[in-house]
Each structure stands twice: as C-alpha cells, then as structure tokens.
Protein backbone atom coordinates (compact mmCIF):
# COMPACT_ATOMS: atom_id res chain seq x y z
CA MET A 1 48.41 67.89 75.43
CA GLU A 2 50.63 68.64 72.49
CA PHE A 3 49.40 70.51 69.40
CA VAL A 4 50.63 68.75 66.25
CA VAL A 5 50.47 70.71 62.99
CA ALA A 6 51.28 69.31 59.56
CA ASP A 7 54.57 70.43 58.02
CA ASP A 8 54.59 73.14 55.38
CA ASP A 9 55.28 70.50 52.69
CA VAL A 10 51.96 68.81 53.48
CA TRP A 11 50.01 72.05 52.99
CA LEU A 12 51.92 72.83 49.79
CA SER A 13 51.27 69.36 48.36
CA ALA A 14 47.56 69.44 49.25
CA PHE A 15 46.65 73.03 48.36
CA GLY A 16 49.56 74.52 46.41
CA VAL A 17 50.23 77.18 49.06
CA VAL A 18 52.53 77.40 52.08
CA PRO A 19 51.55 78.73 55.52
CA GLN A 20 52.89 82.18 56.34
CA VAL A 21 53.29 84.23 59.50
CA GLU A 22 49.85 85.65 60.21
CA GLU A 23 49.67 89.11 58.72
CA ALA A 24 47.27 90.54 61.32
CA SER A 25 49.32 89.65 64.40
CA GLY A 26 52.84 89.47 63.00
CA ASP A 27 53.63 86.85 65.66
CA GLU A 28 56.03 84.19 64.37
CA TRP A 29 54.17 81.35 66.12
CA VAL A 30 50.82 82.34 64.59
CA ARG A 31 50.53 80.94 61.06
CA GLU A 32 47.91 81.33 58.38
CA LEU A 33 47.03 79.61 55.15
CA ARG A 34 44.82 81.08 52.43
CA VAL A 35 43.40 78.56 49.98
CA PRO A 36 41.45 79.70 46.93
CA VAL A 37 38.39 77.43 46.69
CA SER A 38 36.71 79.06 43.70
CA VAL A 39 36.89 82.30 41.76
CA THR A 40 35.15 84.11 44.62
CA GLY A 41 35.69 81.73 47.56
CA GLU A 42 38.64 81.47 49.93
CA LEU A 43 39.37 79.19 52.87
CA HIS A 44 41.45 80.95 55.50
CA LEU A 45 43.02 78.86 58.26
CA SER A 46 45.04 80.40 61.07
CA TRP A 47 46.58 78.73 64.09
CA ASP A 48 48.51 79.69 67.19
CA VAL A 49 50.87 76.90 68.23
CA LEU A 50 51.61 78.40 71.66
CA HIS A 51 47.98 78.84 72.67
CA GLN A 52 46.75 75.76 70.77
CA SER A 53 43.99 77.55 68.90
CA VAL A 54 42.69 77.30 65.33
CA ARG A 55 40.39 79.58 63.37
CA VAL A 56 38.61 78.44 60.20
CA ARG A 57 37.07 81.08 57.97
CA TYR A 58 35.45 80.87 54.57
CA THR A 59 34.58 83.91 52.52
CA TRP A 60 32.56 83.94 49.34
CA ALA A 61 32.29 87.11 47.27
CA SER A 62 33.73 89.00 50.29
CA ASP A 63 30.96 87.71 52.57
CA LEU A 64 32.06 85.80 55.66
CA VAL A 65 30.18 82.49 55.50
CA ILE A 66 32.03 80.41 58.11
CA ASP A 67 33.99 81.70 61.11
CA VAL A 68 34.82 79.03 63.69
CA HIS A 69 37.40 79.27 66.46
CA ARG A 70 38.55 76.22 68.43
CA GLU A 71 40.74 76.24 71.53
CA GLN A 72 42.83 73.40 72.96
CA ALA A 73 43.63 72.00 69.53
CA THR A 74 45.64 68.79 69.44
CA LEU A 75 45.90 68.16 65.68
CA LEU A 76 45.74 70.19 62.47
CA THR A 77 46.60 68.28 59.33
CA VAL A 78 45.45 67.25 55.87
CA ASP A 79 43.96 63.90 54.93
CA ASP A 80 44.39 63.12 51.25
CA ARG A 81 41.19 61.58 49.94
CA LYS A 82 40.16 60.48 46.47
CA ALA A 83 37.86 63.50 46.00
CA GLY A 84 40.55 65.89 47.29
CA PRO A 85 42.30 67.02 50.45
CA ILE A 86 40.40 67.43 53.71
CA VAL A 87 41.61 69.58 56.59
CA VAL A 88 41.36 67.68 59.87
CA LEU A 89 41.19 69.53 63.19
CA GLU A 90 41.03 67.76 66.54
CA TYR A 91 40.51 69.55 69.85
CA TYR A 92 39.35 68.92 73.37
CA ALA A 93 37.60 70.63 76.23
CA GLU A 94 36.89 69.44 79.74
CA GLY A 95 34.96 66.20 79.34
CA CYS A 96 34.66 66.57 75.54
CA ARG A 97 36.57 65.82 72.36
CA GLY A 98 35.91 67.40 69.02
CA ARG A 99 36.83 66.79 65.42
CA ALA A 100 36.22 69.06 62.45
CA PHE A 101 36.64 68.37 58.75
CA VAL A 102 36.88 70.97 56.00
CA ARG A 103 36.52 69.78 52.42
CA THR A 104 37.32 72.11 49.54
CA ARG A 105 36.44 69.91 46.56
CA PRO A 106 34.18 69.36 44.73
CA ALA A 107 32.51 72.02 46.90
CA LEU A 108 33.27 73.47 50.31
CA ALA A 109 31.87 71.48 53.24
CA PHE A 110 32.41 71.94 56.98
CA GLU A 111 31.61 69.25 59.56
CA ASP A 112 32.24 69.72 63.28
CA THR A 113 31.42 67.08 65.90
CA VAL A 114 31.82 67.35 69.67
CA LEU A 115 31.29 64.32 71.89
CA ARG A 116 31.51 63.81 75.64
CA THR A 117 34.31 61.55 76.77
C-alpha cells in the first residue's frame, strides 16, 4: 500500500510551520514537524516515507507525555475542523486497520483506534 503524506503547504496552513528533514537521522526521506501547542508543550511528528512509519510525540515542560510509533502507515494529513486542525494518521497491520487523531486546540488530545478487518 502507498503512504500518502500531506504536502508542505497543508502543514504550513494548519500549523504555521513546514516539515524539515529529520535532524536526528539526517535522511532526506525522513521528515519531522514541530508544532508549539502551548508555552511549554510541543507536538513532534516524524515520518519515514520509505519505511511507511510515523512517530507522534508530545512533550510538556520537557517531560515526554506521548510517544507512539506506527508502522505500515497509509495516510498522514490534516483535517481542518471548526475547533482547529487535527492530524489524521491511518495505518494497517495484518488483519487490522488503525486510525489516530491528534488535536492541538483547544487542548491536546490523542485518540488511536485499531479494528480487525
């Protein structure tokens, strides 16, 4: 299955920042996006288009609160909602499909659902 990632313009429009080459790996196909959520909170998304993986991290006051890694990703995009943008991640595993949502406003929320197919 193909891994579809939203264009840089979509991320810029939704969060005011553009994805960059991941600093830790330096690999051109691994991108990251750092979104300030509050004065002390930051959402950090990173994805590897070749290996179809996504990592979602949230830090608050330098404490790691959320650290989720999903393999076999098929979609990473932003859904523009009335309350604010929501990151949408879809992925699959043998016999299962998953979908995760990350909301940044009015407060951070993370929802991840996996269902058998």
